[in-house]
Amino acid sequence: MHILVDASDGNTAQIISGDAAQIVRAYNAENAGAAKPEPVNASIRLWYNPSRSSQKFYGPGIYVLAMSLFPPLLATLAMSKEGEQKTILQVYVSNISAHEFLLGKIAAFMVVATAEGIILMGILFLGFGLRFAGDPTPFLVATVLYMFCVTAFGNMIGAAIPSQVAAMQAVATAGFLLVYMLSGLLFPIENIPAAIRWISNIVWGRYYIEVVRDALLAGGGWPSVWLKVLAIAAIGAFFYTIAWRNMRRMQLKD
């Protein structure tokens, strides 16, 4: 009998492999005989993380959490400051369109997110000993889309809440509570109570952490993660659309 265990989460893999081995031993103790001393011989193989190193599980999670918190916080502070200090009125009465204003804001903080991402990847490679397991293209595409997604989220909150303190609390709560607790960073999504597990389907960090772990551990490439990349793009487009509608509603017609 061959048992394959996903060891991306080293602690969970150790528990599963131990339970499987114990079940096999119990079965053999009940059914062993002279002809077959061990009716079942279990061969347990750990995938992706054979050494069960916790660094390979928590390293990508730390990277995704940092990318999920800081860029949207900076974006929402800049946007909500415009509303709090009423400088946004100059945008409303100008010839600049809502698209131009939002895309300019998003592009600026995507540059900041890119610098942060490069530093964090250096930490993953040097501090956590991780390397790309396969084609890095899905990771690079997903990273650009994710930076757009989180900065669009920050702009959406900042456009809706013209108070820096309130907007910052909203982004921090969403980024920490949803991405940290309900995206699979700490524990598998299957361990989340069924009553709230459905929320994970709309958490943007859930899809990005799967792409990152695939790029650094599994190496499945596009066949494994293309749906996750599309999900990130769809959620980012939704955030941008809401922010654009809020801006467009306040602008004066020519």
C-alpha atoms as a PDB file:
ATOM      1  CA  MET A   1       0.000   0.000   0.000  1.00  0.00           C
ATOM      2  CA  HIS A   2       1.394   3.384  -1.049  1.00  0.00           C
ATOM      3  CA  ILE A   3       0.412   6.498   0.966  1.00  0.00           C
ATOM      4  CA  LEU A   4       1.235   9.953  -0.408  1.00  0.00           C
ATOM      5  CA  VAL A   5       1.147  12.871   2.039  1.00  0.00           C
ATOM      6  CA  ASP A   6       1.306  16.573   1.083  1.00  0.00           C
ATOM      7  CA  ALA A   7       4.030  17.815   3.406  1.00  0.00           C
ATOM      8  CA  SER A   8       3.773  21.531   2.600  1.00  0.00           C
ATOM      9  CA  ASP A   9       2.577  21.867   6.205  1.00  0.00           C
ATOM     10  CA  GLY A  10       5.207  19.823   8.044  1.00  0.00           C
ATOM     11  CA  ASN A  11       3.273  19.474  11.320  1.00  0.00           C
ATOM     12  CA  THR A  12       0.084  18.239   9.659  1.00  0.00           C
ATOM     13  CA  ALA A  13       2.067  15.850   7.431  1.00  0.00           C
ATOM     14  CA  GLN A  14       3.781  14.334  10.463  1.00  0.00           C
ATOM     15  CA  ILE A  15       0.435  13.738  12.190  1.00  0.00           C
ATOM     16  CA  ILE A  16      -1.133  12.193   9.069  1.00  0.00           C
ATOM     17  CA  SER A  17       1.828   9.905   8.351  1.00  0.00           C
ATOM     18  CA  GLY A  18       1.955   8.794  11.999  1.00  0.00           C
ATOM     19  CA  ASP A  19      -1.779   8.030  12.052  1.00  0.00           C
ATOM     20  CA  ALA A  20      -1.523   6.093   8.784  1.00  0.00           C
ATOM     21  CA  ALA A  21       1.387   4.021  10.067  1.00  0.00           C
ATOM     22  CA  GLN A  22      -0.479   3.293  13.298  1.00  0.00           C
ATOM     23  CA  ILE A  23      -3.586   2.129  11.389  1.00  0.00           C
ATOM     24  CA  VAL A  24      -1.438  -0.228   9.297  1.00  0.00           C
ATOM     25  CA  ARG A  25       0.243  -1.640  12.404  1.00  0.00           C
ATOM     26  CA  ALA A  26      -3.138  -2.194  14.069  1.00  0.00           C
ATOM     27  CA  TYR A  27      -4.452  -3.972  10.963  1.00  0.00           C
ATOM     28  CA  ASN A  28      -1.386  -6.191  10.779  1.00  0.00           C
ATOM     29  CA  ALA A  29      -1.698  -7.063  14.475  1.00  0.00           C
ATOM     30  CA  GLU A  30      -5.262  -8.301  13.907  1.00  0.00           C
ATOM     31  CA  ASN A  31      -4.749 -10.099  10.603  1.00  0.00           C
ATOM     32  CA  ALA A  32      -1.167 -11.360  10.674  1.00  0.00           C
ATOM     33  CA  GLY A  33      -0.606 -15.070  10.409  1.00  0.00           C
ATOM     34  CA  ALA A  34       2.061 -17.629   9.652  1.00  0.00           C
ATOM     35  CA  ALA A  35       1.578 -17.285   5.907  1.00  0.00           C
ATOM     36  CA  LYS A  36       1.500 -13.492   5.932  1.00  0.00           C
ATOM     37  CA  PRO A  37       3.285 -11.994   8.960  1.00  0.00           C
ATOM     38  CA  GLU A  38       2.488  -8.514   7.639  1.00  0.00           C
ATOM     39  CA  PRO A  39      -0.549  -8.550   5.294  1.00  0.00           C
ATOM     40  CA  VAL A  40      -0.155  -4.843   4.570  1.00  0.00           C
ATOM     41  CA  ASN A  41       3.163  -3.095   4.040  1.00  0.00           C
ATOM     42  CA  ALA A  42       2.734   0.698   4.037  1.00  0.00           C
ATOM     43  CA  SER A  43       5.093   2.836   2.006  1.00  0.00           C
ATOM     44  CA  ILE A  44       4.665   6.485   3.060  1.00  0.00           C
ATOM     45  CA  ARG A  45       6.053   9.232   0.858  1.00  0.00           C
ATOM     46  CA  LEU A  46       6.045  12.927   1.738  1.00  0.00           C
ATOM     47  CA  TRP A  47       5.527  15.293  -1.201  1.00  0.00           C
ATOM     48  CA  TYR A  48       6.934  18.818  -1.651  1.00  0.00           C
ATOM     49  CA  ASN A  49       8.555  19.035   1.765  1.00  0.00           C
ATOM     50  CA  PRO A  50      10.153  15.655   2.620  1.00  0.00           C
ATOM     51  CA  SER A  51      12.173  17.131   5.488  1.00  0.00           C
ATOM     52  CA  ARG A  52       8.968  18.530   7.031  1.00  0.00           C
ATOM     53  CA  SER A  53      10.657  21.881   7.516  1.00  0.00           C
ATOM     54  CA  SER A  54       8.288  24.462   8.994  1.00  0.00           C
ATOM     55  CA  GLN A  55      10.258  27.185   7.197  1.00  0.00           C
ATOM     56  CA  LYS A  56       8.904  25.945   3.869  1.00  0.00           C
ATOM     57  CA  PHE A  57       5.346  26.316   5.141  1.00  0.00           C
ATOM     58  CA  TYR A  58       5.580  29.592   7.051  1.00  0.00           C
ATOM     59  CA  GLY A  59       8.052  31.355   4.745  1.00  0.00           C
ATOM     60  CA  PRO A  60       5.609  31.763   1.836  1.00  0.00           C
ATOM     61  CA  GLY A  61       2.875  32.669   4.321  1.00  0.00           C
ATOM     62  CA  ILE A  62       4.926  35.514   5.803  1.00  0.00           C
ATOM     63  CA  TYR A  63       5.647  36.772   2.282  1.00  0.00           C
ATOM     64  CA  VAL A  64       1.959  36.765   1.282  1.00  0.00           C
ATOM     65  CA  LEU A  65       0.851  38.390   4.552  1.00  0.00           C
ATOM     66  CA  ALA A  66       3.342  41.237   4.143  1.00  0.00           C
ATOM     67  CA  MET A  67       2.281  41.775   0.533  1.00  0.00           C
ATOM     68  CA  SER A  68      -1.357  41.786   1.662  1.00  0.00           C
ATOM     69  CA  LEU A  69      -0.963  44.377   4.413  1.00  0.00           C
ATOM     70  CA  PHE A  70       1.506  47.139   3.575  1.00  0.00           C
ATOM     71  CA  PRO A  71       0.708  48.145  -0.055  1.00  0.00           C
ATOM     72  CA  PRO A  72      -3.060  48.506   0.582  1.00  0.00           C
ATOM     73  CA  LEU A  73      -2.403  50.391   3.826  1.00  0.00           C
ATOM     74  CA  LEU A  74      -0.249  52.936   2.019  1.00  0.00           C
ATOM     75  CA  ALA A  75      -2.748  53.190  -0.839  1.00  0.00           C
ATOM     76  CA  THR A  76      -5.742  53.722   1.419  1.00  0.00           C
ATOM     77  CA  LEU A  77      -3.901  56.318   3.514  1.00  0.00           C
ATOM     78  CA  ALA A  78      -3.079  58.325   0.404  1.00  0.00           C
ATOM     79  CA  MET A  79      -6.628  58.075  -0.949  1.00  0.00           C
ATOM     80  CA  SER A  80      -8.441  58.774   2.339  1.00  0.00           C
ATOM     81  CA  LYS A  81      -6.129  61.730   3.007  1.00  0.00           C
ATOM     82  CA  GLU A  82      -7.421  63.317  -0.200  1.00  0.00           C
ATOM     83  CA  GLY A  83     -10.977  63.029   1.130  1.00  0.00           C
ATOM     84  CA  GLU A  84     -10.157  64.069   4.688  1.00  0.00           C
ATOM     85  CA  GLN A  85      -8.316  67.213   3.619  1.00  0.00           C
ATOM     86  CA  LYS A  86     -10.812  67.922   0.793  1.00  0.00           C
ATOM     87  CA  THR A  87      -8.079  68.030  -1.834  1.00  0.00           C
ATOM     88  CA  ILE A  88     -10.077  65.395  -3.715  1.00  0.00           C
ATOM     89  CA  LEU A  89     -12.420  68.229  -4.741  1.00  0.00           C
ATOM     90  CA  GLN A  90      -9.734  69.451  -7.137  1.00  0.00           C
ATOM     91  CA  VAL A  91      -9.888  66.072  -8.862  1.00  0.00           C
ATOM     92  CA  TYR A  92     -13.679  66.136  -9.015  1.00  0.00           C
ATOM     93  CA  VAL A  93     -13.736  69.484 -10.836  1.00  0.00           C
ATOM     94  CA  SER A  94     -10.738  68.809 -13.082  1.00  0.00           C
ATOM     95  CA  ASN A  95     -10.636  67.291 -16.553  1.00  0.00           C
ATOM     96  CA  ILE A  96      -8.890  64.150 -15.283  1.00  0.00           C
ATOM     97  CA  SER A  97     -11.075  61.060 -15.494  1.00  0.00           C
ATOM     98  CA  ALA A  98     -11.719  58.637 -12.656  1.00  0.00           C
ATOM     99  CA  HIS A  99      -9.805  55.961 -14.557  1.00  0.00           C
ATOM    100  CA  GLU A 100      -6.734  58.172 -14.950  1.00  0.00           C
ATOM    101  CA  PHE A 101      -6.766  59.198 -11.302  1.00  0.00           C
ATOM    102  CA  LEU A 102      -7.180  55.665  -9.949  1.00  0.00           C
ATOM    103  CA  LEU A 103      -4.714  54.055 -12.328  1.00  0.00           C
ATOM    104  CA  GLY A 104      -2.132  56.682 -11.420  1.00  0.00           C
ATOM    105  CA  LYS A 105      -2.609  55.979  -7.717  1.00  0.00           C
ATOM    106  CA  ILE A 106      -2.503  52.217  -8.252  1.00  0.00           C
ATOM    107  CA  ALA A 107       0.603  52.389 -10.455  1.00  0.00           C
ATOM    108  CA  ALA A 108       2.489  54.426  -7.849  1.00  0.00           C
ATOM    109  CA  PHE A 109       1.837  51.940  -5.073  1.00  0.00           C
ATOM    110  CA  MET A 110       2.468  48.970  -7.334  1.00  0.00           C
ATOM    111  CA  VAL A 111       5.999  50.342  -7.641  1.00  0.00           C
ATOM    112  CA  VAL A 112       6.228  50.363  -3.837  1.00  0.00           C
ATOM    113  CA  ALA A 113       4.809  46.825  -3.720  1.00  0.00           C
ATOM    114  CA  THR A 114       7.368  45.689  -6.304  1.00  0.00           C
ATOM    115  CA  ALA A 115      10.248  46.975  -4.171  1.00  0.00           C
ATOM    116  CA  GLU A 116       8.758  45.257  -1.122  1.00  0.00           C
ATOM    117  CA  GLY A 117       8.281  42.024  -3.060  1.00  0.00           C
ATOM    118  CA  ILE A 118      11.913  41.984  -4.220  1.00  0.00           C
ATOM    119  CA  ILE A 119      13.150  42.424  -0.646  1.00  0.00           C
ATOM    120  CA  LEU A 120      10.802  39.714   0.641  1.00  0.00           C
ATOM    121  CA  MET A 121      11.843  37.270  -2.083  1.00  0.00           C
ATOM    122  CA  GLY A 122      15.460  37.863  -1.096  1.00  0.00           C
ATOM    123  CA  ILE A 123      14.523  36.942   2.467  1.00  0.00           C
ATOM    124  CA  LEU A 124      12.766  33.772   1.264  1.00  0.00           C
ATOM    125  CA  PHE A 125      15.757  32.707  -0.804  1.00  0.00           C
ATOM    126  CA  LEU A 126      18.492  33.617   1.684  1.00  0.00           C
ATOM    127  CA  GLY A 127      16.742  33.264   5.032  1.00  0.00           C
ATOM    128  CA  PHE A 128      14.330  30.394   4.385  1.00  0.00           C
ATOM    129  CA  GLY A 129      16.386  28.503   1.807  1.00  0.00           C
ATOM    130  CA  LEU A 130      13.593  28.390  -0.786  1.00  0.00           C
ATOM    131  CA  ARG A 131      14.009  28.197  -4.555  1.00  0.00           C
ATOM    132  CA  PHE A 132      11.674  28.072  -7.522  1.00  0.00           C
ATOM    133  CA  ALA A 133      10.567  24.464  -7.984  1.00  0.00           C
ATOM    134  CA  GLY A 134       9.442  24.874 -11.577  1.00  0.00           C
ATOM    135  CA  ASP A 135       8.332  27.461 -14.119  1.00  0.00           C
ATOM    136  CA  PRO A 136       8.267  30.854 -12.324  1.00  0.00           C
ATOM    137  CA  THR A 137       6.056  32.477 -14.977  1.00  0.00           C
ATOM    138  CA  PRO A 138       2.729  31.807 -13.172  1.00  0.00           C
ATOM    139  CA  PHE A 139       4.203  33.273  -9.996  1.00  0.00           C
ATOM    140  CA  LEU A 140       5.389  36.431 -11.780  1.00  0.00           C
ATOM    141  CA  VAL A 141       2.047  36.969 -13.514  1.00  0.00           C
ATOM    142  CA  ALA A 142       0.105  36.290 -10.314  1.00  0.00           C
ATOM    143  CA  THR A 143       2.372  38.667  -8.373  1.00  0.00           C
ATOM    144  CA  VAL A 144       1.707  41.568 -10.741  1.00  0.00           C
ATOM    145  CA  LEU A 145      -2.033  40.862 -10.589  1.00  0.00           C
ATOM    146  CA  TYR A 146      -1.914  40.535  -6.812  1.00  0.00           C
ATOM    147  CA  MET A 147      -0.141  43.863  -6.425  1.00  0.00           C
ATOM    148  CA  PHE A 148      -2.882  45.413  -8.556  1.00  0.00           C
ATOM    149  CA  CYS A 149      -5.516  43.618  -6.474  1.00  0.00           C
ATOM    150  CA  VAL A 150      -4.292  44.765  -3.050  1.00  0.00           C
ATOM    151  CA  THR A 151      -3.585  48.351  -4.135  1.00  0.00           C
ATOM    152  CA  ALA A 152      -7.006  48.523  -5.810  1.00  0.00           C
ATOM    153  CA  PHE A 153      -8.484  47.253  -2.527  1.00  0.00           C
ATOM    154  CA  GLY A 154      -6.723  50.037  -0.632  1.00  0.00           C
ATOM    155  CA  ASN A 155      -7.968  52.641  -3.111  1.00  0.00           C
ATOM    156  CA  MET A 156     -11.497  51.246  -2.891  1.00  0.00           C
ATOM    157  CA  ILE A 157     -11.518  51.593   0.899  1.00  0.00           C
ATOM    158  CA  GLY A 158      -9.895  55.036   0.766  1.00  0.00           C
ATOM    159  CA  ALA A 159     -12.432  56.277  -1.787  1.00  0.00           C
ATOM    160  CA  ALA A 160     -15.337  55.042   0.340  1.00  0.00           C
ATOM    161  CA  ILE A 161     -14.033  56.191   3.768  1.00  0.00           C
ATOM    162  CA  PRO A 162     -12.676  59.777   3.827  1.00  0.00           C
ATOM    163  CA  SER A 163     -11.004  59.291   7.219  1.00  0.00           C
ATOM    164  CA  GLN A 164      -7.442  58.048   7.479  1.00  0.00           C
ATOM    165  CA  VAL A 165      -7.937  56.350  10.834  1.00  0.00           C
ATOM    166  CA  ALA A 166     -11.159  54.579   9.874  1.00  0.00           C
ATOM    167  CA  ALA A 167      -9.845  53.579   6.438  1.00  0.00           C
ATOM    168  CA  MET A 168      -6.622  52.228   7.917  1.00  0.00           C
ATOM    169  CA  GLN A 169      -8.577  50.171  10.461  1.00  0.00           C
ATOM    170  CA  ALA A 170     -10.784  48.758   7.717  1.00  0.00           C
ATOM    171  CA  VAL A 171      -7.818  47.697   5.577  1.00  0.00           C
ATOM    172  CA  ALA A 172      -5.908  46.286   8.544  1.00  0.00           C
ATOM    173  CA  THR A 173      -8.937  44.313   9.704  1.00  0.00           C
ATOM    174  CA  ALA A 174      -9.641  42.880   6.261  1.00  0.00           C
ATOM    175  CA  GLY A 175      -5.993  42.204   5.514  1.00  0.00           C
ATOM    176  CA  PHE A 176      -5.266  40.594   8.866  1.00  0.00           C
ATOM    177  CA  LEU A 177      -8.536  38.823   9.662  1.00  0.00           C
ATOM    178  CA  LEU A 178      -9.320  37.520   6.187  1.00  0.00           C
ATOM    179  CA  VAL A 179      -5.872  36.933   4.709  1.00  0.00           C
ATOM    180  CA  TYR A 180      -4.215  35.752   7.925  1.00  0.00           C
ATOM    181  CA  MET A 181      -7.013  33.608   9.315  1.00  0.00           C
ATOM    182  CA  LEU A 182      -9.086  32.431   6.357  1.00  0.00           C
ATOM    183  CA  SER A 183      -6.670  31.914   3.477  1.00  0.00           C
ATOM    184  CA  GLY A 184      -4.711  28.854   4.545  1.00  0.00           C
ATOM    185  CA  LEU A 185      -1.655  30.694   5.869  1.00  0.00           C
ATOM    186  CA  LEU A 186      -1.843  29.178   9.351  1.00  0.00           C
ATOM    187  CA  PHE A 187      -3.696  25.931   8.705  1.00  0.00           C
ATOM    188  CA  PRO A 188      -5.388  24.147   5.801  1.00  0.00           C
ATOM    189  CA  ILE A 189      -8.702  25.595   4.653  1.00  0.00           C
ATOM    190  CA  GLU A 190     -10.295  22.209   5.350  1.00  0.00           C
ATOM    191  CA  ASN A 191      -9.698  22.836   9.068  1.00  0.00           C
ATOM    192  CA  ILE A 192     -11.784  26.043   9.041  1.00  0.00           C
ATOM    193  CA  PRO A 193     -15.287  25.500  10.519  1.00  0.00           C
ATOM    194  CA  ALA A 194     -17.762  24.687   7.762  1.00  0.00           C
ATOM    195  CA  ALA A 195     -20.053  27.578   8.740  1.00  0.00           C
ATOM    196  CA  ILE A 196     -17.458  30.187   7.730  1.00  0.00           C
ATOM    197  CA  ARG A 197     -15.312  28.192   5.300  1.00  0.00           C
ATOM    198  CA  TRP A 198     -17.183  29.643   2.320  1.00  0.00           C
ATOM    199  CA  ILE A 199     -15.668  33.057   3.087  1.00  0.00           C
ATOM    200  CA  SER A 200     -12.297  31.692   1.985  1.00  0.00           C
ATOM    201  CA  ASN A 201     -13.589  31.541  -1.572  1.00  0.00           C
ATOM    202  CA  ILE A 202     -13.597  35.346  -1.784  1.00  0.00           C
ATOM    203  CA  VAL A 203     -10.339  35.969   0.110  1.00  0.00           C
ATOM    204  CA  TRP A 204      -7.723  37.144  -2.390  1.00  0.00           C
ATOM    205  CA  GLY A 205      -4.808  35.917  -0.285  1.00  0.00           C
ATOM    206  CA  ARG A 206      -6.113  32.340  -0.455  1.00  0.00           C
ATOM    207  CA  TYR A 207      -5.376  32.124  -4.175  1.00  0.00           C
ATOM    208  CA  TYR A 208      -2.044  33.893  -4.048  1.00  0.00           C
ATOM    209  CA  ILE A 209      -0.654  31.683  -1.267  1.00  0.00           C
ATOM    210  CA  GLU A 210      -1.520  28.635  -3.361  1.00  0.00           C
ATOM    211  CA  VAL A 211       0.339  30.112  -6.334  1.00  0.00           C
ATOM    212  CA  VAL A 212       3.361  30.988  -4.181  1.00  0.00           C
ATOM    213  CA  ARG A 213       3.533  27.559  -2.566  1.00  0.00           C
ATOM    214  CA  ASP A 214       3.192  25.882  -5.938  1.00  0.00           C
ATOM    215  CA  ALA A 215       6.029  28.007  -7.358  1.00  0.00           C
ATOM    216  CA  LEU A 216       8.359  27.393  -4.409  1.00  0.00           C
ATOM    217  CA  LEU A 217       7.414  23.849  -3.390  1.00  0.00           C
ATOM    218  CA  ALA A 218       5.283  21.853  -5.812  1.00  0.00           C
ATOM    219  CA  GLY A 219       6.336  23.179  -9.218  1.00  0.00           C
ATOM    220  CA  GLY A 220       3.051  22.318 -10.927  1.00  0.00           C
ATOM    221  CA  GLY A 221       3.103  25.436 -13.103  1.00  0.00           C
ATOM    222  CA  TRP A 222       0.200  26.745 -15.180  1.00  0.00           C
ATOM    223  CA  PRO A 223      -1.865  23.505 -15.232  1.00  0.00           C
ATOM    224  CA  SER A 224      -2.062  23.642 -11.423  1.00  0.00           C
ATOM    225  CA  VAL A 225      -2.631  27.339 -10.766  1.00  0.00           C
ATOM    226  CA  TRP A 226      -4.234  29.012 -13.781  1.00  0.00           C
ATOM    227  CA  LEU A 227      -7.629  29.138 -12.066  1.00  0.00           C
ATOM    228  CA  LYS A 228      -6.042  30.793  -9.019  1.00  0.00           C
ATOM    229  CA  VAL A 229      -4.412  33.420 -11.231  1.00  0.00           C
ATOM    230  CA  LEU A 230      -7.767  34.155 -12.866  1.00  0.00           C
ATOM    231  CA  ALA A 231      -9.411  34.422  -9.435  1.00  0.00           C
ATOM    232  CA  ILE A 232      -6.844  37.032  -8.341  1.00  0.00           C
ATOM    233  CA  ALA A 233      -7.469  39.004 -11.532  1.00  0.00           C
ATOM    234  CA  ALA A 234     -11.259  38.836 -11.057  1.00  0.00           C
ATOM    235  CA  ILE A 235     -11.126  40.007  -7.428  1.00  0.00           C
ATOM    236  CA  GLY A 236      -8.766  42.845  -8.357  1.00  0.00           C
ATOM    237  CA  ALA A 237     -11.093  43.914 -11.180  1.00  0.00           C
ATOM    238  CA  PHE A 238     -14.000  43.931  -8.726  1.00  0.00           C
ATOM    239  CA  PHE A 239     -12.115  46.174  -6.268  1.00  0.00           C
ATOM    240  CA  TYR A 240     -11.125  48.543  -9.056  1.00  0.00           C
ATOM    241  CA  THR A 241     -14.695  48.731 -10.394  1.00  0.00           C
ATOM    242  CA  ILE A 242     -16.103  49.659  -6.974  1.00  0.00           C
ATOM    243  CA  ALA A 243     -13.431  52.349  -6.491  1.00  0.00           C
ATOM    244  CA  TRP A 244     -14.073  53.712  -9.998  1.00  0.00           C
ATOM    245  CA  ARG A 245     -17.834  53.883  -9.432  1.00  0.00           C
ATOM    246  CA  ASN A 246     -17.313  55.848  -6.201  1.00  0.00           C
ATOM    247  CA  MET A 247     -15.020  58.297  -7.971  1.00  0.00           C
ATOM    248  CA  ARG A 248     -17.192  58.658 -11.073  1.00  0.00           C
ATOM    249  CA  ARG A 249     -20.292  59.392  -9.036  1.00  0.00           C
ATOM    250  CA  MET A 250     -18.667  62.443  -7.439  1.00  0.00           C
ATOM    251  CA  GLN A 251     -17.112  63.937 -10.553  1.00  0.00           C
ATOM    252  CA  LEU A 252     -18.758  66.860 -12.311  1.00  0.00           C
ATOM    253  CA  LYS A 253     -19.978  66.390 -15.881  1.00  0.00           C
ATOM    254  CA  ASP A 254     -18.334  68.411 -18.634  1.00  0.00           C
END
